[in-house]
Amino acid sequence: MSDDLLQYRSQFPILQSTTYLISNSLGAMPIGVYDAMKGYADTWATRGVRAWEEKWWMLAAEVGDEIGSLMNAPRNSVSTHQNVTTCQAVVASCFDFSGKRNKVVYSDMNFPSVMYFWEAQRAVGARVHMVKTDDGITVPLQRLLDAIDQETLLVPISHVIFRSAFIQDAAAIIEKAHRVGALVVLDTFQSLGTVPVDVQALNADFACGGVLKWLCGGPGVAYLYVRPDLAAKLNPRFTGWSAHVNPFAFEIGATRYAEPPFRFMNGTPHIPSLEAARPGLKIISEVGISKIRRKSQMQTARLIELAEKQQLHVNTPRNPEQRGGTVSIDVPEEVSRELLNRDILVDWRPKAGVRMSPHFYNTDAELDTAMDALQEILRERAVMAR
């Protein structure tokens, strides 16, 4: 079957020398990043401090809009930051946890970094309620909904679970939260770029993620969407000069907040990372997430079928509508290391196994190569164990 998305394959140098199935962790670098980095260096070298006024100062907002267009966010509603933990810290700083509505509800399937952050908020009055998984793959929806009550302030959840690629019912969670006066912080790190996200259709309060995975944008850029009608009411305490209405006035004293997206920014933006993110964002926009999603569903189904033929346990939903872009195969960590030694790039996570994450630039033949190698490694290990 013809695969027109493979026309983009030549734009990713690493695909020429490896079987790259790790886009859930770090997307392949587009060749355009070379020119982007040279452009950054040339601007610094030739324009010096003038670069701030001529280009750099607005870059954080411009890249925010480029990311926002991929999730149907209105212009000027997406700020950019260094990582998702920082994004969630900005959100938390907008609220007071000393009152009766101070409950934070999330799942034990969230990414640990944000769990660590919310656990630390107990010190300022947050009551953390963690909903536990039963099977290590899914989050029990009804149990999560039942935990969201009149005392709940925030519900920080992952749209797609990093271990299993289970897609949570964000619409149902947001609807329940709004019904009782709570707000949802939707982590779209493992969805945006491979699973369609529409923050306006979801009526999402906040959405955050980063560009280094499915968006092929490299490390150092995360994004925070804040619903426009909500944004005007919030005054983040985690702030800085970028959030000031007139930062170059260098006023003394309390901040006077700028309009979004700058309202939710803080210190000086990381210009090299913002420049590096743009080639990948351009490609994802050109390809189209709906096309990426269709291919992803077919390729993850193929991986599951191949794993089950080898009688391997898969820690990922079989239902394609509940499955993101990753297939987690329950094998020892040593198998992952041996795959890496063979230039088959995957990763391994506790309670998940080897995670294989094909993206729009992968061929079906690469999936077969990876699974054949995995079977061979397991066979060799079995012989050695005798």
Protein backbone atom coordinates (compact mmCIF):
# COMPACT_ATOMS: atom_id res chain seq x y z
CA MET A 1 0.00 0.00 0.00
CA SER A 2 1.31 3.45 -0.90
CA ASP A 3 2.32 5.66 2.03
CA ASP A 4 2.56 9.29 0.95
CA LEU A 5 3.81 10.35 4.40
CA LEU A 6 7.13 8.65 3.65
CA GLN A 7 7.94 11.56 1.34
CA TYR A 8 9.04 13.39 4.51
CA ARG A 9 11.43 10.65 5.54
CA SER A 10 14.44 12.23 3.83
CA GLN A 11 14.07 15.29 6.08
CA PHE A 12 15.17 13.31 9.15
CA PRO A 13 18.88 12.35 8.95
CA ILE A 14 18.89 9.73 11.70
CA LEU A 15 16.46 7.55 9.74
CA GLN A 16 19.23 6.77 7.26
CA SER A 17 21.30 4.90 9.86
CA THR A 18 18.88 3.61 12.53
CA THR A 19 15.49 2.04 13.02
CA TYR A 20 13.99 4.96 14.91
CA LEU A 21 11.02 3.90 17.05
CA ILE A 22 11.39 6.25 20.00
CA SER A 23 9.41 9.36 19.02
CA ASN A 24 7.45 9.11 22.28
CA SER A 25 10.70 10.07 24.03
CA LEU A 26 12.58 12.19 21.48
CA GLY A 27 11.33 12.86 17.99
CA ALA A 28 13.79 12.56 15.12
CA MET A 29 15.54 15.83 14.31
CA PRO A 30 14.47 17.53 11.07
CA ILE A 31 17.33 18.51 8.80
CA GLY A 32 15.98 22.07 8.90
CA VAL A 33 17.31 22.45 12.44
CA TYR A 34 20.81 22.89 11.00
CA ASP A 35 19.70 26.02 9.15
CA ALA A 36 17.65 27.21 12.14
CA MET A 37 20.69 27.02 14.42
CA LYS A 38 22.89 28.71 11.85
CA GLY A 39 20.28 31.44 11.51
CA TYR A 40 20.30 31.94 15.27
CA ALA A 41 24.10 32.13 15.35
CA ASP A 42 24.21 34.48 12.37
CA THR A 43 21.64 36.79 13.97
CA TRP A 44 23.59 36.89 17.22
CA ALA A 45 26.87 37.41 15.37
CA THR A 46 25.67 40.20 13.10
CA ARG A 47 22.88 41.95 15.01
CA GLY A 48 24.09 41.48 18.57
CA VAL A 49 21.84 43.06 21.19
CA ARG A 50 19.63 44.48 18.43
CA ALA A 51 18.32 40.92 17.91
CA TRP A 52 16.09 41.25 20.96
CA GLU A 53 14.10 44.10 19.47
CA GLU A 54 14.23 42.89 15.90
CA LYS A 55 13.31 39.23 16.42
CA TRP A 56 14.00 37.45 19.69
CA TRP A 57 11.60 39.12 22.13
CA MET A 58 8.48 38.10 20.22
CA LEU A 59 9.76 34.63 19.34
CA ALA A 60 8.26 32.95 22.44
CA ALA A 61 4.78 34.17 21.51
CA GLU A 62 5.23 33.33 17.82
CA VAL A 63 6.27 29.76 18.58
CA GLY A 64 3.38 29.55 21.05
CA ASP A 65 0.98 30.42 18.23
CA GLU A 66 2.59 27.80 15.96
CA ILE A 67 2.05 25.16 18.64
CA GLY A 68 -1.43 26.48 19.37
CA SER A 69 -2.50 26.09 15.74
CA LEU A 70 -1.97 22.32 16.10
CA MET A 71 -4.58 22.11 18.90
CA ASN A 72 -7.04 24.75 17.66
CA ALA A 73 -6.00 27.26 20.31
CA PRO A 74 -6.84 30.94 19.67
CA ARG A 75 -3.94 33.24 18.93
CA ASN A 76 -2.10 34.60 21.95
CA SER A 77 -3.38 31.85 24.25
CA VAL A 78 -0.21 29.72 24.38
CA SER A 79 2.89 30.71 26.34
CA THR A 80 6.21 28.87 26.08
CA HIS A 81 8.40 27.59 28.89
CA GLN A 82 11.31 25.24 29.52
CA ASN A 83 9.39 22.10 30.57
CA VAL A 84 5.99 20.79 31.61
CA THR A 85 6.77 20.89 35.32
CA THR A 86 7.36 24.62 34.97
CA CYS A 87 4.06 24.98 33.10
CA GLN A 88 2.17 23.27 35.91
CA ALA A 89 4.02 25.36 38.49
CA VAL A 90 2.82 28.52 36.70
CA VAL A 91 -0.75 27.19 36.86
CA ALA A 92 -0.48 26.30 40.56
CA SER A 93 0.88 29.75 41.35
CA CYS A 94 -2.42 31.27 40.20
CA PHE A 95 -4.36 29.64 43.06
CA ASP A 96 -4.69 29.68 46.84
CA PHE A 97 -4.71 26.28 48.56
CA SER A 98 -5.54 27.60 52.03
CA GLY A 99 -9.33 27.45 51.65
CA LYS A 100 -11.84 24.61 51.63
CA ARG A 101 -11.52 24.15 47.85
CA ASN A 102 -7.95 22.91 47.91
CA LYS A 103 -8.18 19.36 46.58
CA VAL A 104 -5.98 18.22 43.69
CA VAL A 105 -7.10 15.05 41.90
CA TYR A 106 -4.93 13.04 39.54
CA SER A 107 -3.95 9.47 38.67
CA ASP A 108 -0.94 7.37 39.64
CA MET A 109 -0.43 6.92 35.87
CA ASN A 110 0.60 10.57 35.47
CA PHE A 111 4.21 11.28 34.56
CA PRO A 112 6.22 11.23 37.82
CA SER A 113 7.72 14.72 37.42
CA VAL A 114 4.33 16.38 37.72
CA MET A 115 3.36 14.05 40.57
CA TYR A 116 6.43 15.21 42.46
CA PHE A 117 5.41 18.80 41.89
CA TRP A 118 1.84 18.34 43.11
CA GLU A 119 2.93 16.28 46.11
CA ALA A 120 5.19 19.20 47.08
CA GLN A 121 2.14 21.50 47.11
CA ARG A 122 0.91 19.76 50.26
CA ALA A 123 3.25 22.14 52.06
CA VAL A 124 1.09 25.10 50.99
CA GLY A 125 -2.25 23.43 51.80
CA ALA A 126 -3.07 21.25 48.80
CA ARG A 127 -4.94 18.02 49.56
CA VAL A 128 -3.74 15.52 46.99
CA HIS A 129 -6.05 12.67 45.99
CA MET A 130 -4.38 10.06 43.79
CA VAL A 131 -6.65 7.68 41.87
CA LYS A 132 -4.92 4.32 41.40
CA THR A 133 -4.92 2.08 38.37
CA ASP A 134 -6.20 -1.48 38.60
CA ASP A 135 -4.34 -2.98 35.67
CA GLY A 136 -1.29 -0.76 35.11
CA ILE A 137 -2.64 0.18 31.68
CA THR A 138 -5.82 2.23 32.14
CA VAL A 139 -7.14 4.82 34.57
CA PRO A 140 -10.57 3.90 36.04
CA LEU A 141 -12.72 6.70 34.66
CA GLN A 142 -15.64 6.46 37.08
CA ARG A 143 -13.34 6.39 40.09
CA LEU A 144 -11.58 9.49 38.81
CA LEU A 145 -14.88 11.27 38.16
CA ASP A 146 -16.18 10.35 41.61
CA ALA A 147 -13.06 11.84 43.21
CA ILE A 148 -13.73 15.23 41.59
CA ASP A 149 -16.08 16.96 44.02
CA GLN A 150 -17.13 20.37 45.34
CA GLU A 151 -13.81 20.76 47.20
CA THR A 152 -11.67 20.02 44.13
CA LEU A 153 -9.64 22.93 42.80
CA LEU A 154 -7.48 21.39 40.09
CA VAL A 155 -7.37 18.12 38.14
CA PRO A 156 -3.95 17.70 36.48
CA ILE A 157 -4.21 14.64 34.19
CA SER A 158 -2.34 13.13 31.27
CA HIS A 159 -4.33 12.97 28.05
CA VAL A 160 -2.28 9.94 26.95
CA ILE A 161 -0.57 7.83 29.60
CA PHE A 162 3.20 7.63 29.08
CA ARG A 163 3.56 4.00 30.20
CA SER A 164 0.72 2.39 28.27
CA ALA A 165 -0.48 4.96 25.68
CA PHE A 166 -4.01 4.73 27.13
CA ILE A 167 -6.10 7.73 26.07
CA GLN A 168 -8.14 9.19 28.90
CA ASP A 169 -11.63 10.57 28.29
CA ALA A 170 -10.63 14.22 28.63
CA ALA A 171 -14.08 15.46 27.61
CA ALA A 172 -15.83 13.54 30.40
CA ILE A 173 -13.26 14.63 32.98
CA ILE A 174 -13.49 18.29 31.99
CA GLU A 175 -17.29 18.16 32.00
CA LYS A 176 -17.40 16.73 35.53
CA ALA A 177 -14.79 19.18 36.80
CA HIS A 178 -16.70 22.15 35.43
CA ARG A 179 -19.96 20.86 36.87
CA VAL A 180 -18.50 21.08 40.40
CA GLY A 181 -16.43 24.24 39.87
CA ALA A 182 -13.01 22.63 39.37
CA LEU A 183 -10.46 23.24 36.59
CA VAL A 184 -8.50 20.70 34.54
CA VAL A 185 -4.80 20.87 33.64
CA LEU A 186 -4.55 18.60 30.59
CA ASP A 187 -1.06 17.24 29.88
CA THR A 188 -0.94 16.65 26.12
CA PHE A 189 2.77 15.78 25.93
CA GLN A 190 2.06 12.23 24.70
CA SER A 191 -0.86 13.18 22.46
CA LEU A 192 -0.24 16.41 20.53
CA GLY A 193 1.44 15.46 17.28
CA THR A 194 0.05 11.95 17.05
CA VAL A 195 -3.48 12.19 18.53
CA PRO A 196 -5.82 15.05 17.54
CA VAL A 197 -6.30 17.64 20.28
CA ASP A 198 -8.85 20.48 20.09
CA VAL A 199 -8.71 22.60 23.23
CA GLN A 200 -11.73 24.67 22.22
CA ALA A 201 -13.93 21.65 21.52
CA LEU A 202 -12.87 20.15 24.85
CA ASN A 203 -13.40 23.49 26.62
CA ALA A 204 -10.03 22.84 28.26
CA ASP A 205 -8.96 25.21 31.03
CA PHE A 206 -5.24 24.56 30.68
CA ALA A 207 -3.22 22.34 28.36
CA CYS A 208 0.50 21.78 28.50
CA GLY A 209 3.16 19.66 26.90
CA GLY A 210 6.46 19.88 25.08
CA VAL A 211 7.80 19.77 21.55
CA LEU A 212 10.64 17.26 21.94
CA LYS A 213 8.54 14.11 21.38
CA TRP A 214 5.88 13.81 18.66
CA LEU A 215 6.38 17.41 17.50
CA CYS A 216 10.06 16.78 16.61
CA GLY A 217 11.08 20.06 18.18
CA GLY A 218 13.93 19.10 20.52
CA PRO A 219 14.36 19.79 24.25
CA GLY A 220 13.89 23.12 25.97
CA VAL A 221 10.43 24.21 24.78
CA ALA A 222 7.19 23.44 26.58
CA TYR A 223 3.82 25.10 26.02
CA LEU A 224 0.99 26.25 28.27
CA TYR A 225 -2.47 26.97 26.88
CA VAL A 226 -4.81 28.97 29.11
CA ARG A 227 -8.47 29.37 28.13
CA PRO A 228 -8.78 33.03 27.10
CA ASP A 229 -11.76 33.94 29.31
CA LEU A 230 -9.99 32.36 32.27
CA ALA A 231 -6.60 33.89 31.52
CA ALA A 232 -7.76 37.45 32.20
CA LYS A 233 -8.76 36.50 35.77
CA LEU A 234 -5.47 34.87 36.78
CA ASN A 235 -2.36 36.46 38.32
CA PRO A 236 0.46 33.90 38.49
CA ARG A 237 2.85 34.24 41.40
CA PHE A 238 5.50 32.31 39.47
CA THR A 239 6.28 35.29 37.28
CA GLY A 240 9.09 37.49 36.00
CA TRP A 241 9.95 40.39 33.77
CA SER A 242 8.56 38.76 30.60
CA ALA A 243 5.12 38.92 32.21
CA HIS A 244 5.29 42.66 32.88
CA VAL A 245 3.19 44.96 30.71
CA ASN A 246 6.29 47.11 30.09
CA PRO A 247 9.33 44.93 30.82
CA PHE A 248 11.89 47.37 29.48
CA ALA A 249 10.70 50.13 31.82
CA PHE A 250 12.38 48.15 34.63
CA GLU A 251 9.84 49.41 37.16
CA ILE A 252 10.43 48.80 40.86
CA GLY A 253 7.88 46.85 42.91
CA ALA A 254 5.02 44.53 42.04
CA THR A 255 4.38 43.47 38.46
CA ARG A 256 1.70 44.94 36.25
CA TYR A 257 0.63 41.92 34.23
CA ALA A 258 0.81 41.91 30.46
CA GLU A 259 -1.90 40.41 28.29
CA PRO A 260 -1.62 36.70 27.41
CA PRO A 261 0.48 34.91 26.39
CA PHE A 262 3.18 36.98 28.12
CA ARG A 263 1.05 37.12 31.27
CA PHE A 264 2.02 33.49 31.99
CA MET A 265 5.70 33.75 31.11
CA ASN A 266 8.43 34.62 33.58
CA GLY A 267 12.16 35.00 32.90
CA THR A 268 14.17 35.47 29.73
CA PRO A 269 13.10 33.02 26.98
CA HIS A 270 15.42 30.30 25.68
CA ILE A 271 15.96 31.54 22.13
CA PRO A 272 18.06 28.65 20.69
CA SER A 273 15.46 26.06 21.72
CA LEU A 274 12.63 28.14 20.28
CA GLU A 275 14.45 28.39 16.96
CA ALA A 276 15.20 24.65 16.96
CA ALA A 277 11.53 23.84 17.51
CA ARG A 278 10.21 25.57 14.41
CA PRO A 279 11.25 23.14 11.62
CA GLY A 280 9.49 20.22 13.31
CA LEU A 281 6.36 22.24 14.00
CA LYS A 282 6.25 23.28 10.35
CA ILE A 283 6.49 19.68 9.16
CA ILE A 284 3.82 18.41 11.57
CA SER A 285 1.50 21.20 10.46
CA GLU A 286 2.13 20.37 6.80
CA VAL A 287 1.64 16.62 7.25
CA GLY A 288 -1.52 17.03 9.34
CA ILE A 289 -2.22 15.31 12.64
CA SER A 290 -5.30 13.51 11.30
CA LYS A 291 -3.12 11.74 8.71
CA ILE A 292 -0.50 10.98 11.34
CA ARG A 293 -3.20 9.52 13.57
CA ARG A 294 -4.53 7.17 10.88
CA LYS A 295 -1.06 5.82 10.15
CA SER A 296 -0.25 5.54 13.85
CA GLN A 297 -3.33 3.43 14.52
CA MET A 298 -2.38 1.03 11.73
CA GLN A 299 1.27 0.74 12.74
CA THR A 300 0.59 0.29 16.46
CA ALA A 301 -1.97 -2.40 15.55
CA ARG A 302 0.73 -4.11 13.49
CA LEU A 303 3.17 -4.04 16.41
CA ILE A 304 0.56 -5.52 18.74
CA GLU A 305 -0.22 -8.28 16.24
CA LEU A 306 3.48 -9.13 15.85
CA ALA A 307 3.99 -9.15 19.63
CA GLU A 308 1.02 -11.44 20.20
CA LYS A 309 2.29 -13.82 17.51
CA GLN A 310 5.42 -14.10 19.66
CA GLN A 311 3.17 -14.69 22.70
CA LEU A 312 4.43 -11.54 24.38
CA HIS A 313 2.34 -9.54 26.86
CA VAL A 314 1.41 -6.06 25.65
CA ASN A 315 0.77 -3.29 28.20
CA THR A 316 -1.17 -1.12 25.75
CA PRO A 317 -4.91 -1.00 24.92
CA ARG A 318 -5.99 -3.13 21.95
CA ASN A 319 -8.82 -0.71 21.11
CA PRO A 320 -7.31 1.78 18.61
CA GLU A 321 -9.63 4.54 19.86
CA GLN A 322 -8.13 4.17 23.35
CA ARG A 323 -4.53 3.88 22.17
CA GLY A 324 -2.00 6.62 21.52
CA GLY A 325 1.16 6.24 19.46
CA THR A 326 3.11 3.79 21.60
CA VAL A 327 3.09 0.02 22.11
CA SER A 328 4.59 -1.22 25.40
CA ILE A 329 5.83 -4.81 25.25
CA ASP A 330 6.52 -6.54 28.56
CA VAL A 331 10.11 -7.75 28.22
CA PRO A 332 13.19 -7.22 30.45
CA GLU A 333 15.22 -4.03 30.29
CA GLU A 334 18.21 -5.95 28.93
CA VAL A 335 16.24 -6.54 25.72
CA SER A 336 15.96 -2.79 25.24
CA ARG A 337 19.72 -2.38 25.70
CA GLU A 338 20.42 -5.05 23.08
CA LEU A 339 18.01 -3.43 20.62
CA LEU A 340 19.87 -0.15 21.09
CA ASN A 341 23.16 -1.97 20.40
CA ARG A 342 21.65 -3.02 17.07
CA ASP A 343 20.70 0.58 16.19
CA ILE A 344 17.03 -0.11 16.85
CA LEU A 345 16.14 2.87 19.01
CA VAL A 346 13.47 2.20 21.63
CA ASP A 347 13.24 2.72 25.37
CA TRP A 348 12.18 0.77 28.43
CA ARG A 349 10.08 1.92 31.39
CA PRO A 350 9.17 0.15 34.65
CA LYS A 351 5.68 -1.42 34.60
CA ALA A 352 5.58 -0.90 30.83
CA GLY A 353 8.47 -2.72 29.18
CA VAL A 354 10.01 -1.85 25.83
CA ARG A 355 8.14 1.09 24.29
CA MET A 356 8.00 1.21 20.50
CA SER A 357 6.62 4.41 19.01
CA PRO A 358 6.38 4.62 15.21
CA HIS A 359 5.77 8.05 13.74
CA PHE A 360 4.68 9.25 10.29
CA TYR A 361 8.23 8.82 8.93
CA ASN A 362 8.52 5.11 9.82
CA THR A 363 8.03 2.25 7.37
CA ASP A 364 6.16 -0.96 8.11
CA ALA A 365 9.36 -2.84 7.28
CA GLU A 366 11.05 -1.13 10.25
CA LEU A 367 8.39 -2.52 12.57
CA ASP A 368 9.07 -6.02 11.23
CA THR A 369 12.82 -5.51 11.65
CA ALA A 370 12.41 -4.42 15.26
CA MET A 371 10.10 -7.26 16.22
CA ASP A 372 12.28 -9.86 14.47
CA ALA A 373 15.27 -8.57 16.40
CA LEU A 374 13.33 -8.61 19.67
CA GLN A 375 12.35 -12.25 19.06
CA GLU A 376 15.94 -13.16 18.24
CA ILE A 377 17.24 -11.48 21.41
CA LEU A 378 14.70 -13.32 23.57
CA ARG A 379 15.62 -16.62 21.89
CA GLU A 380 19.33 -16.00 22.54
CA ARG A 381 18.61 -15.16 26.18
CA ALA A 382 16.61 -18.38 26.57
CA VAL A 383 19.50 -20.43 25.18
CA MET A 384 21.99 -18.73 27.50
CA ALA A 385 19.75 -19.37 30.49
CA ARG A 386 19.81 -23.14 29.96
